[in-house]
């Protein structure tokens, strides 16, 4: 039996968000919860926009 992965942690190291693969932003083969995380937080940390996440 094979398990299908549908969700994973955002690839941003300090991010706590769990993202659905179909809704995630894919960049360089990794999955991110937001454009801010995918772009490496060009405006600094804390801008992924999800409550309770300090990335």
C-alpha atoms as a PDB file:
ATOM      1  CA  UNK A   1       0.000   0.000   0.000  1.00  0.00           C
ATOM      2  CA  UNK A   2       1.336   3.399  -0.967  1.00  0.00           C
ATOM      3  CA  UNK A   3       0.575   6.534   0.997  1.00  0.00           C
ATOM      4  CA  UNK A   4      -0.075   9.675  -1.003  1.00  0.00           C
ATOM      5  CA  UNK A   5       1.372  12.818   0.506  1.00  0.00           C
ATOM      6  CA  UNK A   6      -1.099  15.687   0.217  1.00  0.00           C
ATOM      7  CA  UNK A   7       0.332  18.077   2.804  1.00  0.00           C
ATOM      8  CA  UNK A   8       3.781  19.021   4.018  1.00  0.00           C
ATOM      9  CA  UNK A   9       5.544  21.648   6.076  1.00  0.00           C
ATOM     10  CA  UNK A  10       6.421  24.838   4.236  1.00  0.00           C
ATOM     11  CA  UNK A  11      10.023  24.612   2.962  1.00  0.00           C
ATOM     12  CA  UNK A  12      10.914  27.898   4.682  1.00  0.00           C
ATOM     13  CA  UNK A  13      13.062  26.743   7.621  1.00  0.00           C
ATOM     14  CA  UNK A  14      11.558  28.939  10.310  1.00  0.00           C
ATOM     15  CA  UNK A  15       7.972  28.628   9.047  1.00  0.00           C
ATOM     16  CA  UNK A  16       5.487  26.486  10.986  1.00  0.00           C
ATOM     17  CA  UNK A  17       2.826  26.340   8.279  1.00  0.00           C
ATOM     18  CA  UNK A  18       1.541  23.073   6.858  1.00  0.00           C
ATOM     19  CA  UNK A  19       0.538  23.471   3.214  1.00  0.00           C
ATOM     20  CA  UNK A  20      -1.607  21.448   0.860  1.00  0.00           C
ATOM     21  CA  UNK A  21       0.529  20.476  -2.130  1.00  0.00           C
ATOM     22  CA  UNK A  22      -2.184  21.563  -4.546  1.00  0.00           C
ATOM     23  CA  UNK A  23      -2.415  25.024  -2.941  1.00  0.00           C
ATOM     24  CA  UNK A  24       1.293  25.497  -2.253  1.00  0.00           C
ATOM     25  CA  UNK A  25       3.626  27.746  -4.195  1.00  0.00           C
ATOM     26  CA  UNK A  26       6.254  25.534  -5.809  1.00  0.00           C
ATOM     27  CA  UNK A  27       9.724  26.956  -6.393  1.00  0.00           C
ATOM     28  CA  UNK A  28      12.943  25.052  -7.106  1.00  0.00           C
ATOM     29  CA  UNK A  29      11.212  21.757  -6.327  1.00  0.00           C
ATOM     30  CA  UNK A  30      10.123  22.871  -2.859  1.00  0.00           C
ATOM     31  CA  UNK A  31       6.691  23.812  -1.553  1.00  0.00           C
ATOM     32  CA  UNK A  32       5.916  27.055   0.262  1.00  0.00           C
ATOM     33  CA  UNK A  33       2.842  28.474   2.007  1.00  0.00           C
ATOM     34  CA  UNK A  34       3.193  31.962   0.527  1.00  0.00           C
ATOM     35  CA  UNK A  35       5.091  34.111  -1.948  1.00  0.00           C
ATOM     36  CA  UNK A  36       6.984  35.692   0.973  1.00  0.00           C
ATOM     37  CA  UNK A  37       8.411  32.335   2.017  1.00  0.00           C
ATOM     38  CA  UNK A  38       9.107  31.258  -1.569  1.00  0.00           C
ATOM     39  CA  UNK A  39      11.018  34.484  -2.215  1.00  0.00           C
ATOM     40  CA  UNK A  40      13.117  34.140   0.950  1.00  0.00           C
ATOM     41  CA  UNK A  41      11.357  36.951   2.843  1.00  0.00           C
ATOM     42  CA  UNK A  42      12.746  39.947   0.974  1.00  0.00           C
ATOM     43  CA  UNK A  43      10.972  42.250   3.468  1.00  0.00           C
ATOM     44  CA  UNK A  44      12.251  40.396   6.528  1.00  0.00           C
ATOM     45  CA  UNK A  45      10.693  37.746   8.724  1.00  0.00           C
ATOM     46  CA  UNK A  46       7.082  37.653   9.879  1.00  0.00           C
ATOM     47  CA  UNK A  47       5.423  38.336   6.545  1.00  0.00           C
ATOM     48  CA  UNK A  48       3.965  34.978   5.550  1.00  0.00           C
ATOM     49  CA  UNK A  49       0.625  36.303   6.820  1.00  0.00           C
ATOM     50  CA  UNK A  50      -0.440  33.249   8.797  1.00  0.00           C
ATOM     51  CA  UNK A  51      -1.457  33.729  12.433  1.00  0.00           C
ATOM     52  CA  UNK A  52       0.916  32.284  15.005  1.00  0.00           C
ATOM     53  CA  UNK A  53       3.798  31.822  12.591  1.00  0.00           C
ATOM     54  CA  UNK A  54       6.988  33.705  13.363  1.00  0.00           C
ATOM     55  CA  UNK A  55       8.855  33.058  10.140  1.00  0.00           C
END
